[in-house]
Protein backbone atom coordinates (compact mmCIF):
# COMPACT_ATOMS: atom_id res chain seq x y z
CA MET A 1 -23.30 107.17 -3.07
CA ASN A 2 -25.67 105.75 -5.70
CA ASP A 3 -29.36 105.11 -5.26
CA GLY A 4 -28.87 101.40 -4.60
CA GLU A 5 -26.51 102.06 -1.71
CA GLY A 6 -28.84 104.74 -0.36
CA LEU A 7 -31.74 102.30 -0.27
CA THR A 8 -29.59 99.71 1.45
CA ARG A 9 -28.39 102.09 4.16
CA ARG A 10 -31.74 103.74 4.81
CA PRO A 11 -33.40 102.16 7.87
CA ARG A 12 -36.81 100.61 7.38
CA ILE A 13 -39.40 99.66 9.97
CA LEU A 14 -41.25 96.35 9.62
CA LEU A 15 -44.30 95.97 11.83
CA PRO A 16 -45.78 92.51 12.47
CA SER A 17 -48.73 91.79 10.17
CA THR A 18 -50.64 88.93 8.58
CA ARG A 19 -50.25 88.22 4.87
CA VAL A 20 -53.04 87.14 2.48
CA GLY A 21 -52.19 84.89 -0.45
CA PRO A 22 -52.70 86.22 -4.01
CA LEU A 23 -55.30 83.56 -4.94
CA ARG A 24 -57.32 84.33 -1.83
CA ALA A 25 -57.15 88.07 -2.53
CA VAL A 26 -58.34 87.57 -6.14
CA LEU A 27 -61.18 85.28 -5.08
CA LYS A 28 -62.22 87.81 -2.48
CA ARG A 29 -62.43 90.56 -5.11
CA VAL A 30 -64.39 88.33 -7.48
CA GLY A 31 -66.83 87.48 -4.71
CA ILE A 32 -67.36 91.15 -3.87
CA ALA A 33 -67.94 91.99 -7.57
CA LEU A 34 -70.51 89.18 -7.94
CA ALA A 35 -72.28 90.28 -4.78
CA LEU A 36 -72.56 93.85 -6.09
CA LEU A 37 -73.84 92.61 -9.45
CA VAL A 38 -76.49 90.40 -7.81
CA ALA A 39 -77.59 93.32 -5.62
CA VAL A 40 -78.14 95.50 -8.70
CA VAL A 41 -80.04 92.70 -10.46
CA ALA A 42 -82.31 92.30 -7.46
CA ALA A 43 -82.99 96.05 -7.26
CA VAL A 44 -83.79 96.29 -10.99
CA TYR A 45 -85.94 93.14 -10.97
CA VAL A 46 -88.03 94.39 -8.04
CA GLY A 47 -88.66 97.72 -9.82
CA ARG A 48 -88.71 96.33 -13.38
CA ASP A 49 -92.00 98.09 -14.12
CA GLY A 50 -90.15 101.42 -13.94
CA TYR A 51 -87.79 100.51 -16.80
CA ARG A 52 -88.38 100.66 -20.54
CA ASP A 53 -86.84 98.34 -23.10
CA ASN A 54 -86.50 99.65 -26.65
CA ALA A 55 -87.30 96.17 -27.90
CA GLY A 56 -90.68 96.41 -26.18
CA GLY A 57 -92.27 94.20 -23.54
CA PRO A 58 -91.59 93.89 -19.81
CA LEU A 59 -88.12 93.17 -18.44
CA SER A 60 -87.29 89.54 -17.80
CA LEU A 61 -84.72 88.26 -15.31
CA LEU A 62 -82.22 87.97 -18.17
CA ASP A 63 -82.91 91.60 -19.11
CA CYS A 64 -82.22 92.61 -15.50
CA PHE A 65 -78.89 90.80 -15.57
CA TYR A 66 -78.10 92.46 -18.89
CA TYR A 67 -78.94 95.94 -17.60
CA ALA A 68 -76.99 95.37 -14.38
CA THR A 69 -73.93 94.18 -16.29
CA VAL A 70 -73.77 97.07 -18.74
CA SER A 71 -74.60 99.54 -15.98
CA VAL A 72 -72.02 98.61 -13.35
CA SER A 73 -69.33 98.21 -16.05
CA THR A 74 -70.17 101.78 -17.29
CA THR A 75 -70.86 100.47 -20.81
CA GLY A 76 -74.41 101.87 -20.94
CA TYR A 77 -75.89 101.03 -24.37
CA GLY A 78 -79.08 102.92 -23.52
CA ASP A 79 -81.51 100.26 -24.80
CA ILE A 80 -82.92 99.78 -21.27
CA THR A 81 -83.54 102.99 -19.33
CA PRO A 82 -85.34 103.98 -16.11
CA VAL A 83 -88.43 106.00 -16.87
CA THR A 84 -90.35 106.33 -13.60
CA PRO A 85 -89.22 108.65 -10.78
CA LEU A 86 -88.77 105.71 -8.40
CA ALA A 87 -86.55 103.83 -10.85
CA ARG A 88 -84.43 106.90 -11.43
CA PHE A 89 -84.17 107.51 -7.68
CA VAL A 90 -82.95 103.93 -7.19
CA ASN A 91 -80.33 104.53 -9.88
CA ILE A 92 -79.15 107.67 -8.12
CA VAL A 93 -78.94 106.42 -4.53
CA PHE A 94 -78.08 102.75 -5.13
CA ILE A 95 -76.95 101.69 -8.59
CA THR A 96 -74.55 104.60 -9.11
CA PRO A 97 -72.68 104.01 -5.79
CA VAL A 98 -72.58 100.29 -6.61
CA ARG A 99 -71.08 101.17 -9.99
CA VAL A 100 -68.33 103.13 -8.24
CA LEU A 101 -67.67 100.27 -5.82
CA PHE A 102 -67.53 97.84 -8.73
CA LEU A 103 -64.89 99.97 -10.42
CA ILE A 104 -62.93 100.10 -7.17
CA VAL A 105 -62.94 96.30 -7.07
CA LEU A 106 -61.75 96.14 -10.68
CA VAL A 107 -58.78 98.37 -9.94
CA GLY A 108 -58.38 96.95 -6.45
CA THR A 109 -54.74 96.01 -6.89
CA THR A 110 -53.56 99.59 -7.32
CA LEU A 111 -55.87 100.90 -4.65
CA GLU A 112 -54.83 98.15 -2.26
CA VAL A 113 -51.18 99.07 -2.68
CA LEU A 114 -51.97 102.72 -1.98
CA ALA A 115 -54.18 101.82 0.97
CA GLU A 116 -51.55 99.43 2.33
CA ARG A 117 -48.87 102.10 2.16
CA THR A 118 -51.14 104.60 3.86
CA ARG A 119 -52.04 102.09 6.54
CA GLU A 120 -48.38 101.17 7.10
CA ASP A 121 -47.38 104.83 7.36
CA TRP A 122 -50.18 105.42 9.86
CA ARG A 123 -49.17 102.37 11.91
CA LYS A 124 -45.52 103.44 11.94
CA THR A 125 -46.40 106.97 13.01
CA ARG A 126 -48.67 105.66 15.73
CA TRP A 127 -45.99 103.21 16.90
CA ARG A 128 -43.33 105.93 17.07
CA THR A 129 -45.54 108.14 19.24
CA ARG A 130 -46.44 105.33 21.66
CA VAL A 131 -43.32 103.20 22.02
CA ARG A 132 -41.35 103.71 25.23
CA ASP A 133 -39.75 101.66 28.01
CA HIS A 134 -39.14 98.90 25.48
CA ILE A 135 -36.18 96.59 24.84
CA VAL A 136 -34.02 97.06 21.74
CA VAL A 137 -32.17 93.96 20.52
CA ALA A 138 -29.36 94.79 18.09
CA GLY A 139 -28.74 91.62 16.12
CA TYR A 140 -31.21 88.84 15.30
CA GLY A 141 -28.76 86.01 14.99
CA THR A 142 -28.33 83.04 17.31
CA LYS A 143 -27.50 85.23 20.33
CA GLY A 144 -30.26 87.71 19.64
CA ARG A 145 -32.90 85.01 19.18
CA SER A 146 -31.83 83.25 22.37
CA ALA A 147 -31.93 86.51 24.32
CA ILE A 148 -35.43 87.24 23.03
CA LYS A 149 -36.58 83.72 23.88
CA THR A 150 -35.38 84.18 27.44
CA LEU A 151 -37.10 87.57 27.69
CA LEU A 152 -40.36 86.04 26.52
CA ASN A 153 -40.05 83.21 29.03
CA THR A 154 -39.63 85.76 31.83
CA GLY A 155 -42.88 87.53 30.95
CA VAL A 156 -41.82 90.21 28.46
CA ASP A 157 -44.48 90.85 25.81
CA HIS A 158 -43.76 90.73 22.08
CA ALA A 159 -44.79 94.37 21.74
CA GLU A 160 -42.01 95.44 24.13
CA ILE A 161 -39.20 94.11 21.91
CA VAL A 162 -37.73 95.92 18.89
CA VAL A 163 -35.22 94.12 16.67
CA VAL A 164 -32.50 95.94 14.69
CA ASP A 165 -30.53 94.04 12.06
CA PRO A 166 -28.92 94.96 8.70
CA ASP A 167 -30.22 91.76 7.07
CA PRO A 168 -33.75 92.28 5.64
CA ARG A 169 -34.41 88.54 5.81
CA ALA A 170 -33.61 88.43 9.54
CA VAL A 171 -35.86 91.43 10.21
CA ALA A 172 -38.62 89.83 8.12
CA ASP A 173 -38.33 86.72 10.31
CA ALA A 174 -38.56 88.91 13.40
CA ALA A 175 -41.66 90.68 12.08
CA GLU A 176 -43.23 87.32 11.25
CA ALA A 177 -42.54 86.22 14.83
CA GLY A 178 -44.47 89.24 16.13
CA PHE A 179 -41.72 91.80 16.79
CA VAL A 180 -41.19 95.26 15.37
CA GLY A 181 -38.12 95.16 13.14
CA ILE A 182 -35.76 97.85 11.88
CA VAL A 183 -33.64 97.13 8.80
CA GLY A 184 -30.38 99.01 9.17
CA ASP A 185 -26.93 99.21 10.70
CA ALA A 186 -27.26 99.57 14.49
CA THR A 187 -23.93 101.43 14.66
CA ARG A 188 -25.62 104.46 13.04
CA SER A 189 -27.54 106.83 15.29
CA SER A 190 -30.26 107.39 12.66
CA VAL A 191 -31.09 103.69 12.70
CA LEU A 192 -31.22 103.52 16.50
CA ARG A 193 -33.45 106.60 16.55
CA GLN A 194 -35.85 104.72 14.29
CA ALA A 195 -35.94 102.06 17.01
CA ALA A 196 -36.63 104.81 19.61
CA VAL A 197 -33.51 103.89 21.57
CA GLN A 198 -33.68 107.23 23.36
CA ARG A 199 -36.87 106.01 25.09
CA ALA A 200 -35.83 102.38 25.66
CA ARG A 201 -35.29 100.90 29.11
CA GLU A 202 -32.90 98.12 28.03
CA ILE A 203 -30.59 97.58 25.06
CA VAL A 204 -29.24 94.15 24.13
CA VAL A 205 -26.16 94.17 21.90
CA ALA A 206 -25.95 90.75 20.21
CA SER A 207 -23.87 91.42 17.11
CA ALA A 208 -21.60 88.81 15.57
CA ARG A 209 -18.45 91.02 15.66
CA ASP A 210 -16.81 92.55 18.73
CA ASP A 211 -15.88 95.81 16.99
CA THR A 212 -19.48 96.21 15.87
CA ALA A 213 -20.66 95.60 19.43
CA VAL A 214 -18.38 98.39 20.68
CA LEU A 215 -19.71 100.88 18.12
CA ILE A 216 -23.32 99.93 18.84
CA THR A 217 -22.75 100.37 22.56
CA LEU A 218 -21.11 103.77 22.09
CA THR A 219 -23.92 105.01 19.87
CA ALA A 220 -26.66 103.64 22.11
CA ARG A 221 -25.11 105.13 25.24
CA GLN A 222 -24.83 108.51 23.56
CA LEU A 223 -28.51 108.45 22.62
CA ASN A 224 -29.71 107.06 25.96
CA PRO A 225 -27.49 107.69 29.00
CA THR A 226 -29.85 105.93 31.45
CA ALA A 227 -30.84 102.70 29.71
CA GLY A 228 -29.29 99.41 30.75
CA ILE A 229 -27.00 97.99 28.07
CA GLN A 230 -26.26 94.27 28.01
CA ALA A 231 -23.58 93.33 25.47
CA SER A 232 -21.98 90.17 24.21
CA VAL A 233 -18.45 89.69 22.87
CA ARG A 234 -16.48 86.74 21.61
CA GLU A 235 -13.08 87.55 23.16
CA SER A 236 -12.56 88.48 26.81
CA GLU A 237 -9.89 91.04 25.88
CA ASN A 238 -12.65 93.21 24.45
CA VAL A 239 -14.67 93.28 27.68
CA PRO A 240 -12.94 96.44 29.01
CA LEU A 241 -13.70 98.21 25.73
CA LEU A 242 -17.38 97.38 26.04
CA ARG A 243 -17.47 98.58 29.65
CA GLN A 244 -15.70 101.82 28.75
CA SER A 245 -18.16 102.26 25.90
CA GLY A 246 -21.05 102.23 28.35
CA ALA A 247 -22.14 98.61 28.69
CA ASP A 248 -23.52 97.69 32.12
CA HIS A 249 -22.94 93.95 31.74
CA VAL A 250 -20.77 92.09 29.26
CA VAL A 251 -21.02 88.38 28.49
CA THR A 252 -18.12 86.57 26.82
CA SER A 253 -19.89 84.05 24.60
CA SER A 254 -16.91 82.00 23.40
CA GLU A 255 -15.35 81.59 26.84
CA ALA A 256 -18.72 80.78 28.41
CA ALA A 257 -19.20 78.01 25.86
CA GLY A 258 -15.67 76.75 26.57
CA ARG A 259 -16.35 76.64 30.31
CA LEU A 260 -19.50 74.61 29.71
CA LEU A 261 -17.51 72.21 27.53
CA GLY A 262 -14.93 71.78 30.28
CA VAL A 263 -17.58 71.21 32.95
CA SER A 264 -19.47 68.72 30.78
CA THR A 265 -16.25 66.79 30.24
CA ARG A 266 -15.69 66.24 33.97
CA HIS A 267 -19.26 66.55 35.30
CA PRO A 268 -21.91 66.05 32.61
CA ALA A 269 -24.82 66.32 35.06
CA VAL A 270 -23.51 69.66 36.38
CA SER A 271 -23.36 70.97 32.83
CA GLU A 272 -26.99 69.96 32.26
CA VAL A 273 -28.04 71.77 35.44
CA ILE A 274 -26.19 74.91 34.34
CA GLU A 275 -27.92 74.83 30.95
CA ASP A 276 -31.24 74.35 32.73
CA LEU A 277 -30.53 77.39 34.90
CA LEU A 278 -29.71 79.46 31.82
CA GLU A 279 -33.04 78.59 30.18
CA GLN A 280 -35.56 80.79 31.96
CA GLY A 281 -39.13 79.57 32.45
CA SER A 282 -38.29 75.88 32.21
CA GLY A 283 -37.22 73.69 35.13
CA LEU A 284 -34.69 75.38 37.40
CA ASP A 285 -34.35 79.16 37.19
CA LEU A 286 -32.01 81.66 38.82
CA ILE A 287 -33.81 84.84 39.85
CA GLU A 288 -32.99 88.00 41.77
CA ARG A 289 -35.48 89.08 44.41
CA PRO A 290 -35.62 91.41 47.44
CA VAL A 291 -35.28 90.15 50.98
CA HIS A 292 -38.69 89.62 52.58
CA ARG A 293 -39.64 91.33 55.82
CA ASP A 294 -39.71 88.08 57.77
CA GLU A 295 -36.15 87.29 56.60
CA ILE A 296 -34.58 90.55 57.79
CA GLY A 297 -32.16 90.00 60.70
CA LYS A 298 -31.84 86.27 59.98
CA PRO A 299 -29.07 84.31 58.25
CA ILE A 300 -29.32 83.45 54.59
CA LYS A 301 -29.82 79.76 55.38
CA VAL A 302 -33.38 80.41 56.61
CA VAL A 303 -34.48 81.31 53.07
CA ALA A 304 -36.85 78.65 51.79
CA GLN A 305 -35.41 78.67 48.30
CA PRO A 306 -31.74 77.75 47.73
CA ALA A 307 -29.89 81.08 48.02
CA LEU A 308 -26.61 81.28 46.12
CA ALA A 309 -25.55 84.88 46.63
CA LEU A 310 -26.36 88.13 48.41
CA ILE A 311 -26.31 91.56 46.74
CA ARG A 312 -25.46 94.37 49.17
CA ASP A 313 -24.30 97.87 48.27
CA GLY A 314 -23.72 96.77 44.68
CA ALA A 315 -21.41 93.89 45.69
CA ILE A 316 -22.25 90.24 45.04
CA LEU A 317 -21.36 88.06 48.06
CA PRO A 318 -21.42 84.23 48.04
CA TYR A 319 -23.84 82.44 50.35
CA ASP A 320 -21.06 81.46 52.79
CA HIS A 321 -19.76 85.00 53.27
CA LYS A 322 -19.91 86.24 56.84
CA ALA A 323 -22.13 89.14 55.77
CA CYS A 324 -24.82 86.58 54.94
CA ASP A 325 -25.22 85.72 58.64
CA MET A 326 -27.69 88.61 58.98
CA LEU A 327 -29.90 89.86 56.16
CA ARG A 328 -30.67 93.56 56.05
CA PHE A 329 -33.40 95.72 54.59
CA GLY A 330 -32.49 96.57 50.99
CA ASP A 331 -30.53 93.37 50.39
CA ARG A 332 -31.30 91.29 47.35
CA LEU A 333 -30.88 87.56 46.92
CA ILE A 334 -29.94 85.33 44.02
CA VAL A 335 -32.05 82.21 44.53
CA ALA A 336 -32.87 79.09 42.54
CA ARG A 337 -36.44 78.01 42.05
CA SER A 338 -38.29 75.38 40.07
CA SER A 339 -41.36 76.22 38.06
CA PRO A 340 -44.36 74.55 39.79
CA ARG A 341 -45.87 73.50 36.48
CA ARG A 342 -42.75 71.51 35.60
CA ILE A 343 -42.54 69.53 38.85
CA ASP A 344 -43.27 65.85 38.17
CA PRO A 345 -43.46 63.89 41.46
CA ALA A 346 -44.02 60.63 39.57
CA GLY A 347 -40.55 60.96 38.08
CA ASP A 348 -38.85 61.40 41.48
CA PRO A 349 -38.24 58.01 43.14
CA TYR A 350 -37.34 59.74 46.44
CA ALA A 351 -40.49 61.89 46.71
CA GLU A 352 -42.93 60.97 49.47
CA PRO A 353 -46.67 61.70 49.13
CA ASP A 354 -46.51 64.35 51.85
CA GLU A 355 -43.53 66.01 50.18
CA VAL A 356 -45.45 66.64 47.00
CA ASP A 357 -47.97 69.00 48.54
CA GLY A 358 -45.92 70.17 51.49
CA ALA A 359 -44.51 68.86 54.72
CA ASP A 360 -47.72 69.48 56.64
CA GLY A 361 -50.01 68.10 53.95
CA ASP A 362 -51.92 71.35 53.42
CA GLY A 363 -50.93 71.69 49.76
CA ASP A 364 -48.44 74.56 50.21
CA SER A 365 -44.77 73.60 50.09
CA PRO A 366 -42.09 75.99 51.38
CA ALA A 367 -40.86 76.56 47.85
CA ARG A 368 -44.35 77.40 46.61
CA GLU A 369 -44.88 79.77 49.55
CA ALA A 370 -41.58 81.47 48.74
CA VAL A 371 -42.63 81.92 45.12
CA GLU A 372 -45.96 83.44 46.20
CA ARG A 373 -44.23 85.79 48.65
CA GLU A 374 -41.75 86.80 45.96
CA THR A 375 -44.58 87.53 43.52
CA ASP A 376 -46.34 89.67 46.11
CA ALA A 377 -43.12 91.56 46.78
CA VAL A 378 -42.43 92.20 43.11
CA ASP A 379 -46.02 93.34 42.53
CA GLY A 380 -45.55 96.16 44.97
CA GLY A 381 -45.85 94.95 48.56
CA GLU A 382 -42.31 94.37 49.74
CA ARG A 383 -39.93 95.70 47.11
CA PRO A 384 -37.24 97.68 48.95
CA ASP A 385 -35.55 100.58 47.26
CA ARG A 386 -32.13 100.07 45.76
CA ASP A 387 -29.29 101.88 47.46
């Protein structure tokens, strides 16, 4: 393996950061240099009586600029020298440090590169020691970007997402968007360790090839036996391979798109509703929530929000199953809800004034009350333990 291949295969971490243009950086350095020069001129001009000029006579403002220039640039012709103790003290405690700072500004490019590398190494070390319970997304293509967009819409923070992709340009885009990026092949354990997969809570496999997805899943499951792995494949025949490799859920992207095409052909409005349900945080959303205390022992039809399915003992039961006639403690529901901020009563020709704020006119609709109860349950009040 030559050096070029070694550099390509070695994983690199890209942390999100802001970039400063070259012209702005140069102007900033020039401004700092001028400020240091003016400070020296002011100090020399105030104590000009303590300096001696070989040409004779007191120092003028031009002489002060001349002395400051040759002093901070370390030229030092020696024609103007400090002679009093105060002037020499000012040179020791002020002008000499300014001279050093001026030199640092002059060679700022090299020092900035060294400082930037040191800062990046420190940030990477600090990130490695702190990152845990995060979400690793293997693949920053169309599927990976869509998955991340959905995660963000559901409340996941940018800092909780780590992107792994072999394309440096894709990882650079991810870092620019505010995510930590790893440049490397996610099928290799060394790359996934750079992403701290062993401490992740969820792993999203969104590669473009099915065989790559299988290898990524195998490697990720070996490094982290407890994390949830969500994988995507193009062909349904590869779904068993993904499940045997350790994936918890597998989505067949090509067949899902084909089903949507078929539905949109016969029922265009139904297809639009399905797409709306798939886009979290906008319009209609499908969510999973625990059964509330006041719903235990009652049929599923009493739920304020439209309930589509019941999860009991790991099995997903449709809303019309006989088991849904009585909800139990520990059950979970798949319900549909609409984001309150997206409700537009003016656009609904069938909405009555009382229906906008609630049936009793007190400003709290059943759907809004259900959302508030669900939020309270998720925040710690009513979340039952999973079986």
